[in-house]
PDB file of N, CA and C in Angstrom:
ATOM      1  N   MET A   1     243.170 196.644  65.368  1.00  0.00           N
ATOM      2  CA  MET A   1     244.414 196.589  64.578  1.00  0.00           C
ATOM      3  C   MET A   1     245.412 197.531  65.274  1.00  0.00           C
ATOM      4  N   PHE A   2     245.102 198.746  65.767  1.00  0.00           N
ATOM      5  CA  PHE A   2     245.942 199.539  66.409  1.00  0.00           C
ATOM      6  C   PHE A   2     245.109 200.427  67.359  1.00  0.00           C
ATOM      7  N   THR A   3     245.894 200.978  68.264  1.00  0.00           N
ATOM      8  CA  THR A   3     245.193 201.899  69.394  1.00  0.00           C
ATOM      9  C   THR A   3     246.273 202.792  69.869  1.00  0.00           C
ATOM     10  N   ARG A   4     245.886 203.994  70.255  1.00  0.00           N
ATOM     11  CA  ARG A   4     246.741 204.949  70.858  1.00  0.00           C
ATOM     12  C   ARG A   4     245.974 205.809  71.868  1.00  0.00           C
ATOM     13  N   THR A   5     246.522 206.200  72.940  1.00  0.00           N
ATOM     14  CA  THR A   5     245.881 207.230  73.803  1.00  0.00           C
ATOM     15  C   THR A   5     246.357 208.551  73.529  1.00  0.00           C
ATOM     16  N   TRP A   6     245.384 209.354  73.304  1.00  0.00           N
ATOM     17  CA  TRP A   6     245.735 210.766  73.240  1.00  0.00           C
ATOM     18  C   TRP A   6     245.604 211.377  74.542  1.00  0.00           C
ATOM     19  N   ASN A   7     246.482 212.093  75.083  1.00  0.00           N
ATOM     20  CA  ASN A   7     246.560 212.526  76.513  1.00  0.00           C
ATOM     21  C   ASN A   7     245.643 213.679  76.853  1.00  0.00           C
ATOM     22  N   GLY A   8     244.916 214.317  75.884  1.00  0.00           N
ATOM     23  CA  GLY A   8     244.035 215.362  76.179  1.00  0.00           C
ATOM     24  C   GLY A   8     244.618 216.739  76.280  1.00  0.00           C
ATOM     25  N   THR A   9     243.929 217.689  76.756  1.00  0.00           N
ATOM     26  CA  THR A   9     244.291 219.060  76.805  1.00  0.00           C
ATOM     27  C   THR A   9     244.249 219.583  78.317  1.00  0.00           C
ATOM     28  N   HIS A  10     244.793 220.794  78.524  1.00  0.00           N
ATOM     29  CA  HIS A  10     244.745 221.518  79.741  1.00  0.00           C
ATOM     30  C   HIS A  10     243.623 222.571  79.705  1.00  0.00           C
ATOM     31  N   ASP A  11     243.187 222.991  80.867  1.00  0.00           N
ATOM     32  CA  ASP A  11     242.345 224.156  80.930  1.00  0.00           C
ATOM     33  C   ASP A  11     243.185 225.407  80.366  1.00  0.00           C
ATOM     34  N   VAL A  12     242.550 226.222  79.549  1.00  0.00           N
ATOM     35  CA  VAL A  12     243.255 227.390  78.949  1.00  0.00           C
ATOM     36  C   VAL A  12     242.400 228.606  79.090  1.00  0.00           C
ATOM     37  N   CYS A  13     243.051 229.695  79.453  1.00  0.00           N
ATOM     38  CA  CYS A  13     242.442 230.981  79.577  1.00  0.00           C
ATOM     39  C   CYS A  13     242.843 231.757  78.334  1.00  0.00           C
ATOM     40  N   TYR A  14     241.951 232.148  77.339  1.00  0.00           N
ATOM     41  CA  TYR A  14     242.138 232.858  76.129  1.00  0.00           C
ATOM     42  C   TYR A  14     241.806 234.214  76.220  1.00  0.00           C
ATOM     43  N   GLU A  15     242.720 235.219  75.942  1.00  0.00           N
ATOM     44  CA  GLU A  15     242.447 236.580  75.948  1.00  0.00           C
ATOM     45  C   GLU A  15     242.960 237.325  74.686  1.00  0.00           C
ATOM     46  N   ARG A  16     242.054 238.192  74.199  1.00  0.00           N
ATOM     47  CA  ARG A  16     242.476 238.988  72.955  1.00  0.00           C
ATOM     48  C   ARG A  16     242.930 240.393  73.471  1.00  0.00           C
ATOM     49  N   ASP A  17     243.941 240.937  72.782  1.00  0.00           N
ATOM     50  CA  ASP A  17     244.332 242.296  73.054  1.00  0.00           C
ATOM     51  C   ASP A  17     244.625 242.926  71.636  1.00  0.00           C
ATOM     52  N   VAL A  18     245.102 244.095  71.635  1.00  0.00           N
ATOM     53  CA  VAL A  18     245.430 244.916  70.438  1.00  0.00           C
ATOM     54  C   VAL A  18     246.374 244.264  69.515  1.00  0.00           C
ATOM     55  N   ASN A  19     247.184 243.350  70.015  1.00  0.00           N
ATOM     56  CA  ASN A  19     248.244 242.687  69.201  1.00  0.00           C
ATOM     57  C   ASN A  19     247.802 241.293  68.700  1.00  0.00           C
ATOM     58  N   GLY A  20     246.528 240.935  68.979  1.00  0.00           N
ATOM     59  CA  GLY A  20     246.061 239.582  68.647  1.00  0.00           C
ATOM     60  C   GLY A  20     245.500 238.913  69.851  1.00  0.00           C
ATOM     61  N   GLY A  21     246.026 237.690  70.056  1.00  0.00           N
ATOM     62  CA  GLY A  21     245.380 236.964  71.120  1.00  0.00           C
ATOM     63  C   GLY A  21     246.566 236.082  71.818  1.00  0.00           C
ATOM     64  N   TYR A  22     246.438 235.631  73.005  1.00  0.00           N
ATOM     65  CA  TYR A  22     247.331 234.697  73.584  1.00  0.00           C
ATOM     66  C   TYR A  22     246.499 233.770  74.503  1.00  0.00           C
ATOM     67  N   ALA A  23     247.097 232.587  74.791  1.00  0.00           N
ATOM     68  CA  ALA A  23     246.486 231.642  75.638  1.00  0.00           C
ATOM     69  C   ALA A  23     247.409 231.284  76.778  1.00  0.00           C
ATOM     70  N   GLN A  24     246.822 231.108  77.937  1.00  0.00           N
ATOM     71  CA  GLN A  24     247.597 230.787  79.178  1.00  0.00           C
ATOM     72  C   GLN A  24     247.071 229.384  79.719  1.00  0.00           C
ATOM     73  N   ILE A  25     247.874 228.453  79.909  1.00  0.00           N
ATOM     74  CA  ILE A  25     247.491 227.239  80.514  1.00  0.00           C
ATOM     75  C   ILE A  25     247.331 227.420  82.008  1.00  0.00           C
ATOM     76  N   LEU A  26     246.152 227.061  82.440  1.00  0.00           N
ATOM     77  CA  LEU A  26     245.894 227.164  83.891  1.00  0.00           C
ATOM     78  C   LEU A  26     246.592 225.869  84.630  1.00  0.00           C
ATOM     79  N   ASP A  27     247.290 226.166  85.601  1.00  0.00           N
ATOM     80  CA  ASP A  27     247.959 225.116  86.386  1.00  0.00           C
ATOM     81  C   ASP A  27     247.135 224.266  87.270  1.00  0.00           C
ATOM     82  N   SER A  28     246.055 224.899  87.785  1.00  0.00           N
ATOM     83  CA  SER A  28     245.139 224.239  88.734  1.00  0.00           C
ATOM     84  C   SER A  28     243.703 224.676  88.515  1.00  0.00           C
ATOM     85  N   LYS A  29     242.744 223.959  89.097  1.00  0.00           N
ATOM     86  CA  LYS A  29     241.330 224.349  88.980  1.00  0.00           C
ATOM     87  C   LYS A  29     241.073 225.635  89.832  1.00  0.00           C
ATOM     88  N   ASP A  30     242.040 225.960  90.759  1.00  0.00           N
ATOM     89  CA  ASP A  30     241.801 227.170  91.683  1.00  0.00           C
ATOM     90  C   ASP A  30     242.120 228.424  90.935  1.00  0.00           C
ATOM     91  N   MET A  31     242.848 228.379  89.771  1.00  0.00           N
ATOM     92  CA  MET A  31     243.181 229.651  89.079  1.00  0.00           C
ATOM     93  C   MET A  31     242.030 230.370  88.340  1.00  0.00           C
ATOM     94  N   SER A  32     242.059 231.603  88.359  1.00  0.00           N
ATOM     95  CA  SER A  32     240.890 232.310  87.882  1.00  0.00           C
ATOM     96  C   SER A  32     241.171 232.805  86.430  1.00  0.00           C
ATOM     97  N   CYS A  33     240.243 232.928  85.663  1.00  0.00           N
ATOM     98  CA  CYS A  33     240.311 233.527  84.213  1.00  0.00           C
ATOM     99  C   CYS A  33     239.344 234.561  84.110  1.00  0.00           C
ATOM    100  N   ASP A  34     239.851 235.689  83.825  1.00  0.00           N
ATOM    101  CA  ASP A  34     238.855 236.882  83.473  1.00  0.00           C
ATOM    102  C   ASP A  34     238.533 237.032  82.093  1.00  0.00           C
ATOM    103  N   ALA A  35     239.032 236.211  81.212  1.00  0.00           N
ATOM    104  CA  ALA A  35     238.717 236.238  79.757  1.00  0.00           C
ATOM    105  C   ALA A  35     238.005 235.047  79.427  1.00  0.00           C
ATOM    106  N   THR A  36     238.156 234.382  78.290  1.00  0.00           N
ATOM    107  CA  THR A  36     237.440 233.250  77.841  1.00  0.00           C
ATOM    108  C   THR A  36     238.004 231.913  78.244  1.00  0.00           C
ATOM    109  N   MET A  37     237.355 231.184  79.047  1.00  0.00           N
ATOM    110  CA  MET A  37     237.820 229.967  79.614  1.00  0.00           C
ATOM    111  C   MET A  37     237.579 228.854  78.588  1.00  0.00           C
ATOM    112  N   ILE A  38     238.639 228.081  78.234  1.00  0.00           N
ATOM    113  CA  ILE A  38     238.402 226.916  77.293  1.00  0.00           C
ATOM    114  C   ILE A  38     238.745 225.672  78.243  1.00  0.00           C
ATOM    115  N   PRO A  39     237.593 224.887  78.595  1.00  0.00           N
ATOM    116  CA  PRO A  39     237.848 223.776  79.467  1.00  0.00           C
ATOM    117  C   PRO A  39     238.705 222.666  78.880  1.00  0.00           C
ATOM    118  N   SER A  40     239.300 221.844  79.645  1.00  0.00           N
ATOM    119  CA  SER A  40     240.193 220.852  79.206  1.00  0.00           C
ATOM    120  C   SER A  40     239.345 219.562  78.632  1.00  0.00           C
ATOM    121  N   ILE A  41     240.004 218.743  77.856  1.00  0.00           N
ATOM    122  CA  ILE A  41     239.461 217.597  77.311  1.00  0.00           C
ATOM    123  C   ILE A  41     240.299 216.428  77.798  1.00  0.00           C
ATOM    124  N   GLY A  42     239.680 215.472  78.428  1.00  0.00           N
ATOM    125  CA  GLY A  42     240.347 214.320  79.064  1.00  0.00           C
ATOM    126  C   GLY A  42     240.936 213.398  78.001  1.00  0.00           C
ATOM    127  N   PRO A  43     241.708 212.424  78.449  1.00  0.00           N
ATOM    128  CA  PRO A  43     242.395 211.485  77.559  1.00  0.00           C
ATOM    129  C   PRO A  43     241.296 210.684  76.858  1.00  0.00           C
ATOM    130  N   ILE A  44     241.736 210.294  75.671  1.00  0.00           N
ATOM    131  CA  ILE A  44     240.798 209.577  74.740  1.00  0.00           C
ATOM    132  C   ILE A  44     241.631 208.480  74.142  1.00  0.00           C
ATOM    133  N   GLU A  45     240.939 207.187  74.102  1.00  0.00           N
ATOM    134  CA  GLU A  45     241.567 206.126  73.409  1.00  0.00           C
ATOM    135  C   GLU A  45     241.245 206.177  71.973  1.00  0.00           C
ATOM    136  N   MET A  46     242.283 206.336  71.143  1.00  0.00           N
ATOM    137  CA  MET A  46     241.890 206.471  69.650  1.00  0.00           C
ATOM    138  C   MET A  46     241.982 205.197  69.022  1.00  0.00           C
ATOM    139  N   ILE A  47     240.751 204.729  68.780  1.00  0.00           N
ATOM    140  CA  ILE A  47     240.693 203.312  68.035  1.00  0.00           C
ATOM    141  C   ILE A  47     239.881 203.411  66.766  1.00  0.00           C
ATOM    142  N   ALA A  48     239.189 204.681  66.394  1.00  0.00           N
ATOM    143  CA  ALA A  48     238.427 204.675  65.277  1.00  0.00           C
ATOM    144  C   ALA A  48     238.972 205.798  64.344  1.00  0.00           C
ATOM    145  N   ILE A  49     238.930 205.649  63.027  1.00  0.00           N
ATOM    146  CA  ILE A  49     239.237 206.608  62.106  1.00  0.00           C
ATOM    147  C   ILE A  49     238.041 207.045  61.294  1.00  0.00           C
ATOM    148  N   ASN A  50     237.643 208.308  61.345  1.00  0.00           N
ATOM    149  CA  ASN A  50     236.435 208.758  60.694  1.00  0.00           C
ATOM    150  C   ASN A  50     235.209 207.899  61.006  1.00  0.00           C
ATOM    151  N   GLY A  51     235.108 207.591  62.310  1.00  0.00           N
ATOM    152  CA  GLY A  51     234.012 206.740  62.760  1.00  0.00           C
ATOM    153  C   GLY A  51     233.994 205.303  62.556  1.00  0.00           C
ATOM    154  N   ALA A  52     235.055 204.754  61.798  1.00  0.00           N
ATOM    155  CA  ALA A  52     235.229 203.398  61.493  1.00  0.00           C
ATOM    156  C   ALA A  52     236.340 202.764  62.304  1.00  0.00           C
ATOM    157  N   ILE A  53     236.052 201.553  62.888  1.00  0.00           N
ATOM    158  CA  ILE A  53     237.087 200.737  63.574  1.00  0.00           C
ATOM    159  C   ILE A  53     237.539 199.703  62.662  1.00  0.00           C
ATOM    160  N   THR A  54     238.821 199.715  62.489  1.00  0.00           N
ATOM    161  CA  THR A  54     239.606 198.709  61.650  1.00  0.00           C
ATOM    162  C   THR A  54     239.905 197.492  62.386  1.00  0.00           C
ATOM    163  N   CYS A  55     239.659 196.329  61.890  1.00  0.00           N
ATOM    164  CA  CYS A  55     240.027 195.090  62.453  1.00  0.00           C
ATOM    165  C   CYS A  55     240.977 194.394  61.475  1.00  0.00           C
ATOM    166  N   GLY A  56     241.906 193.631  61.981  1.00  0.00           N
ATOM    167  CA  GLY A  56     242.791 192.872  61.069  1.00  0.00           C
ATOM    168  C   GLY A  56     243.353 191.596  61.716  1.00  0.00           C
ATOM    169  N   LYS A  57     243.889 190.849  60.894  1.00  0.00           N
ATOM    170  CA  LYS A  57     244.521 189.595  61.374  1.00  0.00           C
ATOM    171  C   LYS A  57     245.987 189.647  60.938  1.00  0.00           C
ATOM    172  N   ARG A  58     246.832 189.269  61.871  1.00  0.00           N
ATOM    173  CA  ARG A  58     248.319 189.420  61.589  1.00  0.00           C
ATOM    174  C   ARG A  58     248.640 188.143  60.736  1.00  0.00           C
ATOM    175  N   GLY A  59     249.438 188.429  59.738  1.00  0.00           N
ATOM    176  CA  GLY A  59     249.849 187.358  58.868  1.00  0.00           C
ATOM    177  C   GLY A  59     250.809 187.974  57.838  1.00  0.00           C
ATOM    178  N   GLY A  60     251.454 187.107  57.054  1.00  0.00           N
ATOM    179  CA  GLY A  60     252.391 187.623  56.008  1.00  0.00           C
ATOM    180  C   GLY A  60     253.646 188.163  56.528  1.00  0.00           C
ATOM    181  N   THR A  61     254.344 188.939  55.622  1.00  0.00           N
ATOM    182  CA  THR A  61     255.587 189.605  55.957  1.00  0.00           C
ATOM    183  C   THR A  61     255.396 190.773  56.831  1.00  0.00           C
ATOM    184  N   THR A  62     256.467 191.253  57.547  1.00  0.00           N
ATOM    185  CA  THR A  62     256.406 192.408  58.409  1.00  0.00           C
ATOM    186  C   THR A  62     256.466 193.670  57.570  1.00  0.00           C
ATOM    187  N   PHE A  63     256.092 194.695  58.026  1.00  0.00           N
ATOM    188  CA  PHE A  63     256.139 196.001  57.370  1.00  0.00           C
ATOM    189  C   PHE A  63     257.530 196.321  56.915  1.00  0.00           C
ATOM    190  N   VAL A  64     258.633 195.960  57.738  1.00  0.00           N
ATOM    191  CA  VAL A  64     259.964 196.263  57.371  1.00  0.00           C
ATOM    192  C   VAL A  64     260.354 195.554  56.219  1.00  0.00           C
ATOM    193  N   GLU A  65     259.878 194.330  55.988  1.00  0.00           N
ATOM    194  CA  GLU A  65     260.226 193.573  54.860  1.00  0.00           C
ATOM    195  C   GLU A  65     259.531 193.995  53.605  1.00  0.00           C
TER     196      GLU A  65
END
């Protein structure tokens, strides 16, 4: 019925300091992280909602109408 591509995330280096925390996006795999490394998540085709895939048949009036 519908689909959309989620573009994923970048590699992130997360570090805490006395003022809280901050995250830095790593530009390349060669960059080092001396704190907590949060690996990227690749693109995902979003076709399911809560584990269920919805199918439909087009017909009737449009959503605008």
